[in-house]
PDB file of N, CA and C in Angstrom:
ATOM      1  N   MET A   1      78.846 117.424  99.022  1.00  0.00           N
ATOM      2  CA  MET A   1      80.273 116.919  99.667  1.00  0.00           C
ATOM      3  C   MET A   1      79.997 116.537 101.208  1.00  0.00           C
ATOM      4  N   LYS A   2      79.287 117.332 101.801  1.00  0.00           N
ATOM      5  CA  LYS A   2      79.132 116.982 103.154  1.00  0.00           C
ATOM      6  C   LYS A   2      78.295 115.778 103.365  1.00  0.00           C
ATOM      7  N   GLU A   3      77.334 115.409 102.534  1.00  0.00           N
ATOM      8  CA  GLU A   3      76.546 114.286 102.701  1.00  0.00           C
ATOM      9  C   GLU A   3      77.469 113.059 102.459  1.00  0.00           C
ATOM     10  N   ILE A   4      78.279 113.113 101.414  1.00  0.00           N
ATOM     11  CA  ILE A   4      79.289 112.017 101.218  1.00  0.00           C
ATOM     12  C   ILE A   4      80.092 111.734 102.496  1.00  0.00           C
ATOM     13  N   ARG A   5      80.577 112.802 103.079  1.00  0.00           N
ATOM     14  CA  ARG A   5      81.455 112.494 104.350  1.00  0.00           C
ATOM     15  C   ARG A   5      80.497 111.919 105.457  1.00  0.00           C
ATOM     16  N   LYS A   6      79.359 112.395 105.545  1.00  0.00           N
ATOM     17  CA  LYS A   6      78.520 111.851 106.639  1.00  0.00           C
ATOM     18  C   LYS A   6      78.303 110.198 106.382  1.00  0.00           C
ATOM     19  N   MET A   7      78.201 109.905 105.146  1.00  0.00           N
ATOM     20  CA  MET A   7      78.017 108.491 104.739  1.00  0.00           C
ATOM     21  C   MET A   7      79.180 107.772 105.011  1.00  0.00           C
ATOM     22  N   LYS A   8      80.388 108.320 104.766  1.00  0.00           N
ATOM     23  CA  LYS A   8      81.565 107.672 105.114  1.00  0.00           C
ATOM     24  C   LYS A   8      81.717 107.453 106.614  1.00  0.00           C
ATOM     25  N   ASP A   9      81.414 108.576 107.360  1.00  0.00           N
ATOM     26  CA  ASP A   9      81.528 108.602 108.803  1.00  0.00           C
ATOM     27  C   ASP A   9      80.635 107.382 109.463  1.00  0.00           C
ATOM     28  N   ARG A  10      79.494 107.304 108.873  1.00  0.00           N
ATOM     29  CA  ARG A  10      78.477 106.248 109.343  1.00  0.00           C
ATOM     30  C   ARG A  10      79.047 104.910 109.032  1.00  0.00           C
ATOM     31  N   SER A  11      79.628 104.764 107.741  1.00  0.00           N
ATOM     32  CA  SER A  11      80.200 103.500 107.397  1.00  0.00           C
ATOM     33  C   SER A  11      81.447 103.129 108.450  1.00  0.00           C
ATOM     34  N   GLU A  12      82.193 104.032 108.845  1.00  0.00           N
ATOM     35  CA  GLU A  12      83.246 103.795 109.747  1.00  0.00           C
ATOM     36  C   GLU A  12      82.783 103.469 111.049  1.00  0.00           C
ATOM     37  N   LEU A  13      81.637 104.062 111.499  1.00  0.00           N
ATOM     38  CA  LEU A  13      81.100 103.816 112.758  1.00  0.00           C
ATOM     39  C   LEU A  13      80.672 102.384 112.874  1.00  0.00           C
ATOM     40  N   LYS A  14      80.089 101.906 111.861  1.00  0.00           N
ATOM     41  CA  LYS A  14      79.612 100.581 111.611  1.00  0.00           C
ATOM     42  C   LYS A  14      80.792  99.572 111.715  1.00  0.00           C
ATOM     43  N   ASN A  15      81.884  99.905 111.052  1.00  0.00           N
ATOM     44  CA  ASN A  15      82.984  99.256 111.055  1.00  0.00           C
ATOM     45  C   ASN A  15      83.691  98.938 112.454  1.00  0.00           C
ATOM     46  N   ILE A  16      83.715 100.148 113.156  1.00  0.00           N
ATOM     47  CA  ILE A  16      84.355 100.215 114.573  1.00  0.00           C
ATOM     48  C   ILE A  16      83.445  99.319 115.410  1.00  0.00           C
ATOM     49  N   ILE A  17      82.136  99.337 115.242  1.00  0.00           N
ATOM     50  CA  ILE A  17      81.210  98.475 116.052  1.00  0.00           C
ATOM     51  C   ILE A  17      81.448  97.008 115.787  1.00  0.00           C
ATOM     52  N   ARG A  18      81.623  96.765 114.533  1.00  0.00           N
ATOM     53  CA  ARG A  18      81.880  95.403 114.018  1.00  0.00           C
ATOM     54  C   ARG A  18      83.158  94.915 114.648  1.00  0.00           C
ATOM     55  N   ILE A  19      84.149  95.677 114.641  1.00  0.00           N
ATOM     56  CA  ILE A  19      85.413  95.286 115.316  1.00  0.00           C
ATOM     57  C   ILE A  19      85.360  95.061 116.794  1.00  0.00           C
ATOM     58  N   ALA A  20      84.645  95.998 117.470  1.00  0.00           N
ATOM     59  CA  ALA A  20      84.368  95.778 118.908  1.00  0.00           C
ATOM     60  C   ALA A  20      83.637  94.640 119.270  1.00  0.00           C
ATOM     61  N   ASN A  21      82.685  94.172 118.405  1.00  0.00           N
ATOM     62  CA  ASN A  21      81.896  93.125 118.617  1.00  0.00           C
ATOM     63  C   ASN A  21      82.774  91.900 118.618  1.00  0.00           C
ATOM     64  N   LYS A  22      83.635  91.800 117.644  1.00  0.00           N
ATOM     65  CA  LYS A  22      84.557  90.724 117.369  1.00  0.00           C
ATOM     66  C   LYS A  22      85.524  90.567 118.553  1.00  0.00           C
ATOM     67  N   VAL A  23      86.189  91.724 119.079  1.00  0.00           N
ATOM     68  CA  VAL A  23      87.014  91.620 120.120  1.00  0.00           C
ATOM     69  C   VAL A  23      86.436  91.351 121.458  1.00  0.00           C
ATOM     70  N   PHE A  24      85.288  91.839 121.648  1.00  0.00           N
ATOM     71  CA  PHE A  24      84.542  91.593 122.973  1.00  0.00           C
ATOM     72  C   PHE A  24      83.488  90.536 122.800  1.00  0.00           C
ATOM     73  N   ASP A  25      83.496  89.882 121.713  1.00  0.00           N
ATOM     74  CA  ASP A  25      82.587  88.759 121.492  1.00  0.00           C
ATOM     75  C   ASP A  25      81.065  88.962 122.039  1.00  0.00           C
ATOM     76  N   ASP A  26      80.643  90.198 121.729  1.00  0.00           N
ATOM     77  CA  ASP A  26      79.345  90.555 122.244  1.00  0.00           C
ATOM     78  C   ASP A  26      78.504  91.357 121.390  1.00  0.00           C
ATOM     79  N   ALA A  27      77.746  90.634 120.442  1.00  0.00           N
ATOM     80  CA  ALA A  27      77.088  91.310 119.378  1.00  0.00           C
ATOM     81  C   ALA A  27      75.824  92.012 119.727  1.00  0.00           C
ATOM     82  N   SER A  28      75.336  91.785 121.012  1.00  0.00           N
ATOM     83  CA  SER A  28      74.002  92.220 121.387  1.00  0.00           C
ATOM     84  C   SER A  28      74.200  93.700 122.210  1.00  0.00           C
ATOM     85  N   ASN A  29      75.074  93.951 122.794  1.00  0.00           N
ATOM     86  CA  ASN A  29      75.196  95.112 123.622  1.00  0.00           C
ATOM     87  C   ASN A  29      76.008  96.313 122.928  1.00  0.00           C
ATOM     88  N   ILE A  30      76.767  96.096 121.972  1.00  0.00           N
ATOM     89  CA  ILE A  30      77.599  97.115 121.389  1.00  0.00           C
ATOM     90  C   ILE A  30      76.998  97.909 120.367  1.00  0.00           C
ATOM     91  N   ASN A  31      76.944  99.185 120.593  1.00  0.00           N
ATOM     92  CA  ASN A  31      76.314 100.160 119.590  1.00  0.00           C
ATOM     93  C   ASN A  31      77.180 101.501 119.768  1.00  0.00           C
ATOM     94  N   GLU A  32      76.669 102.453 119.143  1.00  0.00           N
ATOM     95  CA  GLU A  32      77.479 103.818 119.146  1.00  0.00           C
ATOM     96  C   GLU A  32      77.537 104.390 120.482  1.00  0.00           C
ATOM     97  N   ASN A  33      76.637 103.929 121.439  1.00  0.00           N
ATOM     98  CA  ASN A  33      76.565 104.584 122.747  1.00  0.00           C
ATOM     99  C   ASN A  33      77.353 103.677 123.808  1.00  0.00           C
ATOM    100  N   ALA A  34      77.858 102.635 123.418  1.00  0.00           N
ATOM    101  CA  ALA A  34      78.664 101.685 124.250  1.00  0.00           C
ATOM    102  C   ALA A  34      79.936 102.437 124.797  1.00  0.00           C
ATOM    103  N   SER A  35      80.289 101.926 125.937  1.00  0.00           N
ATOM    104  CA  SER A  35      81.579 102.488 126.551  1.00  0.00           C
ATOM    105  C   SER A  35      82.194 101.349 127.348  1.00  0.00           C
ATOM    106  N   ALA A  36      83.266 101.781 127.846  1.00  0.00           N
ATOM    107  CA  ALA A  36      84.048 100.752 128.717  1.00  0.00           C
ATOM    108  C   ALA A  36      83.112 100.348 130.087  1.00  0.00           C
ATOM    109  N   ASP A  37      82.311 101.209 130.342  1.00  0.00           N
ATOM    110  CA  ASP A  37      81.423 100.991 131.556  1.00  0.00           C
ATOM    111  C   ASP A  37      80.279 100.145 131.247  1.00  0.00           C
ATOM    112  N   SER A  38      80.029  99.963 130.041  1.00  0.00           N
ATOM    113  CA  SER A  38      78.776  99.152 129.620  1.00  0.00           C
ATOM    114  C   SER A  38      79.036  97.982 128.925  1.00  0.00           C
ATOM    115  N   ILE A  39      80.267  97.640 128.568  1.00  0.00           N
ATOM    116  CA  ILE A  39      80.681  96.338 127.980  1.00  0.00           C
ATOM    117  C   ILE A  39      81.607  95.477 128.761  1.00  0.00           C
ATOM    118  N   PRO A  40      81.005  94.252 129.217  1.00  0.00           N
ATOM    119  CA  PRO A  40      81.815  93.338 129.931  1.00  0.00           C
ATOM    120  C   PRO A  40      83.012  92.921 129.106  1.00  0.00           C
ATOM    121  N   GLY A  41      84.124  93.005 129.912  1.00  0.00           N
ATOM    122  CA  GLY A  41      85.415  92.587 129.112  1.00  0.00           C
ATOM    123  C   GLY A  41      86.192  93.779 128.649  1.00  0.00           C
ATOM    124  N   TRP A  42      85.571  94.933 128.727  1.00  0.00           N
ATOM    125  CA  TRP A  42      86.410  96.096 128.216  1.00  0.00           C
ATOM    126  C   TRP A  42      87.172  96.553 129.466  1.00  0.00           C
ATOM    127  N   ASP A  43      88.082  95.817 129.762  1.00  0.00           N
ATOM    128  CA  ASP A  43      89.144  96.252 130.819  1.00  0.00           C
ATOM    129  C   ASP A  43      90.452  96.527 130.312  1.00  0.00           C
ATOM    130  N   SER A  44      91.504  96.723 130.886  1.00  0.00           N
ATOM    131  CA  SER A  44      92.839  96.999 130.376  1.00  0.00           C
ATOM    132  C   SER A  44      93.205  96.124 129.209  1.00  0.00           C
ATOM    133  N   MET A  45      93.028  94.832 129.388  1.00  0.00           N
ATOM    134  CA  MET A  45      93.361  93.742 128.431  1.00  0.00           C
ATOM    135  C   MET A  45      92.496  93.934 127.231  1.00  0.00           C
ATOM    136  N   GLY A  46      91.234  94.041 127.424  1.00  0.00           N
ATOM    137  CA  GLY A  46      90.169  94.214 126.437  1.00  0.00           C
ATOM    138  C   GLY A  46      90.424  95.388 125.582  1.00  0.00           C
ATOM    139  N   ASN A  47      90.887  96.490 126.326  1.00  0.00           N
ATOM    140  CA  ASN A  47      91.065  97.714 125.602  1.00  0.00           C
ATOM    141  C   ASN A  47      92.450  97.635 124.717  1.00  0.00           C
ATOM    142  N   LEU A  48      93.358  97.015 125.250  1.00  0.00           N
ATOM    143  CA  LEU A  48      94.578  96.626 124.455  1.00  0.00           C
ATOM    144  C   LEU A  48      94.303  95.951 123.095  1.00  0.00           C
ATOM    145  N   ASN A  49      93.502  94.915 123.317  1.00  0.00           N
ATOM    146  CA  ASN A  49      93.167  94.020 122.049  1.00  0.00           C
ATOM    147  C   ASN A  49      92.314  94.835 121.181  1.00  0.00           C
ATOM    148  N   LEU A  50      91.419  95.831 121.670  1.00  0.00           N
ATOM    149  CA  LEU A  50      90.618  96.689 120.726  1.00  0.00           C
ATOM    150  C   LEU A  50      91.615  97.647 120.039  1.00  0.00           C
ATOM    151  N   ILE A  51      92.454  98.313 120.781  1.00  0.00           N
ATOM    152  CA  ILE A  51      93.397  99.108 120.193  1.00  0.00           C
ATOM    153  C   ILE A  51      94.116  98.452 118.989  1.00  0.00           C
ATOM    154  N   ILE A  52      94.712  97.438 119.290  1.00  0.00           N
ATOM    155  CA  ILE A  52      95.486  96.658 118.317  1.00  0.00           C
ATOM    156  C   ILE A  52      94.671  96.309 117.015  1.00  0.00           C
ATOM    157  N   ALA A  53      93.407  95.707 117.257  1.00  0.00           N
ATOM    158  CA  ALA A  53      92.611  95.516 116.257  1.00  0.00           C
ATOM    159  C   ALA A  53      92.315  96.734 115.249  1.00  0.00           C
ATOM    160  N   LEU A  54      91.987  97.891 115.971  1.00  0.00           N
ATOM    161  CA  LEU A  54      91.807  99.114 115.325  1.00  0.00           C
ATOM    162  C   LEU A  54      92.920  99.559 114.536  1.00  0.00           C
ATOM    163  N   GLU A  55      94.195  99.589 115.078  1.00  0.00           N
ATOM    164  CA  GLU A  55      95.408  99.914 114.425  1.00  0.00           C
ATOM    165  C   GLU A  55      95.627  99.092 113.200  1.00  0.00           C
ATOM    166  N   GLU A  56      95.449  97.752 113.330  1.00  0.00           N
ATOM    167  CA  GLU A  56      95.573  96.892 112.185  1.00  0.00           C
ATOM    168  C   GLU A  56      94.542  97.164 111.016  1.00  0.00           C
ATOM    169  N   GLU A  57      93.347  97.405 111.440  1.00  0.00           N
ATOM    170  CA  GLU A  57      92.267  97.663 110.379  1.00  0.00           C
ATOM    171  C   GLU A  57      92.542  98.987 109.689  1.00  0.00           C
ATOM    172  N   TYR A  58      92.896 100.099 110.303  1.00  0.00           N
ATOM    173  CA  TYR A  58      93.008 101.174 109.659  1.00  0.00           C
ATOM    174  C   TYR A  58      94.324 101.700 109.333  1.00  0.00           C
ATOM    175  N   ASP A  59      95.467 100.825 109.592  1.00  0.00           N
ATOM    176  CA  ASP A  59      96.784 101.094 109.482  1.00  0.00           C
ATOM    177  C   ASP A  59      97.234 102.362 109.936  1.00  0.00           C
ATOM    178  N   ILE A  60      96.925 102.698 111.174  1.00  0.00           N
ATOM    179  CA  ILE A  60      97.397 103.678 111.866  1.00  0.00           C
ATOM    180  C   ILE A  60      97.901 103.349 113.311  1.00  0.00           C
ATOM    181  N   GLU A  61      98.554 104.348 113.939  1.00  0.00           N
ATOM    182  CA  GLU A  61      98.947 104.141 115.289  1.00  0.00           C
ATOM    183  C   GLU A  61      98.383 105.351 116.125  1.00  0.00           C
ATOM    184  N   PHE A  62      97.865 104.953 117.374  1.00  0.00           N
ATOM    185  CA  PHE A  62      97.368 105.945 118.145  1.00  0.00           C
ATOM    186  C   PHE A  62      98.562 106.352 119.211  1.00  0.00           C
ATOM    187  N   ASP A  63      98.487 107.658 119.452  1.00  0.00           N
ATOM    188  CA  ASP A  63      99.399 108.053 120.572  1.00  0.00           C
ATOM    189  C   ASP A  63      98.745 108.146 121.889  1.00  0.00           C
ATOM    190  N   ASP A  64      99.542 108.538 122.881  1.00  0.00           N
ATOM    191  CA  ASP A  64      99.054 108.501 124.284  1.00  0.00           C
ATOM    192  C   ASP A  64      97.697 109.515 124.435  1.00  0.00           C
ATOM    193  N   GLU A  65      97.911 110.541 123.619  1.00  0.00           N
ATOM    194  CA  GLU A  65      96.678 111.503 123.829  1.00  0.00           C
ATOM    195  C   GLU A  65      95.328 110.986 123.121  1.00  0.00           C
ATOM    196  N   ASP A  66      95.560 110.108 122.074  1.00  0.00           N
ATOM    197  CA  ASP A  66      94.364 109.544 121.645  1.00  0.00           C
ATOM    198  C   ASP A  66      93.841 108.399 122.584  1.00  0.00           C
ATOM    199  N   LEU A  67      94.700 107.678 123.097  1.00  0.00           N
ATOM    200  CA  LEU A  67      94.354 106.485 123.967  1.00  0.00           C
ATOM    201  C   LEU A  67      93.584 106.930 125.113  1.00  0.00           C
ATOM    202  N   VAL A  68      93.931 108.057 125.730  1.00  0.00           N
ATOM    203  CA  VAL A  68      93.196 108.574 126.797  1.00  0.00           C
ATOM    204  C   VAL A  68      91.759 109.008 126.561  1.00  0.00           C
ATOM    205  N   LYS A  69      91.582 109.478 125.299  1.00  0.00           N
ATOM    206  CA  LYS A  69      90.315 109.831 124.887  1.00  0.00           C
ATOM    207  C   LYS A  69      89.232 108.596 124.488  1.00  0.00           C
ATOM    208  N   MET A  70      89.844 107.583 124.233  1.00  0.00           N
ATOM    209  CA  MET A  70      89.189 106.442 123.519  1.00  0.00           C
ATOM    210  C   MET A  70      88.417 105.410 124.518  1.00  0.00           C
ATOM    211  N   ASN A  71      87.376 105.933 125.220  1.00  0.00           N
ATOM    212  CA  ASN A  71      86.821 105.078 126.323  1.00  0.00           C
ATOM    213  C   ASN A  71      85.317 104.741 125.939  1.00  0.00           C
ATOM    214  N   SER A  72      84.906 105.195 124.689  1.00  0.00           N
ATOM    215  CA  SER A  72      83.599 104.836 124.245  1.00  0.00           C
ATOM    216  C   SER A  72      83.717 104.715 122.671  1.00  0.00           C
ATOM    217  N   ILE A  73      82.753 104.052 122.221  1.00  0.00           N
ATOM    218  CA  ILE A  73      82.582 103.747 120.673  1.00  0.00           C
ATOM    219  C   ILE A  73      82.626 105.100 119.922  1.00  0.00           C
ATOM    220  N   LYS A  74      81.742 106.105 120.495  1.00  0.00           N
ATOM    221  CA  LYS A  74      81.645 107.466 119.906  1.00  0.00           C
ATOM    222  C   LYS A  74      82.914 108.132 119.827  1.00  0.00           C
ATOM    223  N   LYS A  75      83.597 108.002 120.907  1.00  0.00           N
ATOM    224  CA  LYS A  75      85.032 108.757 121.002  1.00  0.00           C
ATOM    225  C   LYS A  75      86.079 108.024 120.250  1.00  0.00           C
ATOM    226  N   ILE A  76      85.957 106.671 120.048  1.00  0.00           N
ATOM    227  CA  ILE A  76      86.992 105.971 119.288  1.00  0.00           C
ATOM    228  C   ILE A  76      86.519 106.472 117.704  1.00  0.00           C
ATOM    229  N   HIS A  77      85.408 106.524 117.421  1.00  0.00           N
ATOM    230  CA  HIS A  77      85.016 106.866 115.956  1.00  0.00           C
ATOM    231  C   HIS A  77      85.610 108.358 115.756  1.00  0.00           C
ATOM    232  N   LYS A  78      85.504 109.269 116.658  1.00  0.00           N
ATOM    233  CA  LYS A  78      85.965 110.568 116.454  1.00  0.00           C
ATOM    234  C   LYS A  78      87.385 110.657 116.258  1.00  0.00           C
ATOM    235  N   VAL A  79      88.124 109.852 117.114  1.00  0.00           N
ATOM    236  CA  VAL A  79      89.598 109.741 117.022  1.00  0.00           C
ATOM    237  C   VAL A  79      90.084 109.315 115.728  1.00  0.00           C
ATOM    238  N   ILE A  80      89.279 108.183 115.230  1.00  0.00           N
ATOM    239  CA  ILE A  80      89.783 107.585 114.076  1.00  0.00           C
ATOM    240  C   ILE A  80      89.502 108.403 112.777  1.00  0.00           C
ATOM    241  N   ILE A  81      88.180 109.038 112.734  1.00  0.00           N
ATOM    242  CA  ILE A  81      87.903 109.963 111.665  1.00  0.00           C
ATOM    243  C   ILE A  81      88.948 111.097 111.554  1.00  0.00           C
ATOM    244  N   ASN A  82      89.244 111.634 112.703  1.00  0.00           N
ATOM    245  CA  ASN A  82      90.224 112.795 112.693  1.00  0.00           C
ATOM    246  C   ASN A  82      91.476 112.299 112.206  1.00  0.00           C
ATOM    247  N   LYS A  83      92.017 111.091 112.656  1.00  0.00           N
ATOM    248  CA  LYS A  83      93.392 110.480 112.295  1.00  0.00           C
ATOM    249  C   LYS A  83      93.318 110.269 110.614  1.00  0.00           C
ATOM    250  N   VAL A  84      92.272 109.695 110.186  1.00  0.00           N
ATOM    251  CA  VAL A  84      92.220 109.217 108.856  1.00  0.00           C
ATOM    252  C   VAL A  84      92.115 110.353 107.900  1.00  0.00           C
ATOM    253  N   ASN A  85      91.487 111.476 108.395  1.00  0.00           N
ATOM    254  CA  ASN A  85      91.167 112.620 107.502  1.00  0.00           C
ATOM    255  C   ASN A  85      92.437 113.629 107.704  1.00  0.00           C
ATOM    256  N   ASP A  86      93.314 113.382 108.550  1.00  0.00           N
ATOM    257  CA  ASP A  86      94.437 114.331 108.599  1.00  0.00           C
ATOM    258  C   ASP A  86      95.352 114.178 107.333  1.00  0.00           C
TER     259      ASP A  86
END
């Protein structure tokens, strides 16, 4: 069972990276270690566009506590996995 969850988590990570690539139009630099510091365009407006795209993709809403944490792809992945699995 744990192996199946890992595969799903990895699939979701790839999906988050795909969405970030689309939002930031930067297929070369975005990976699981990317953050607001490493991606040009990940400013306040870029962040808003990313959050909206993720909320639409996963049919979820992020609260203020989530948004404060979501400053890297890894952290976004963790927040989404926790929200989807609740």
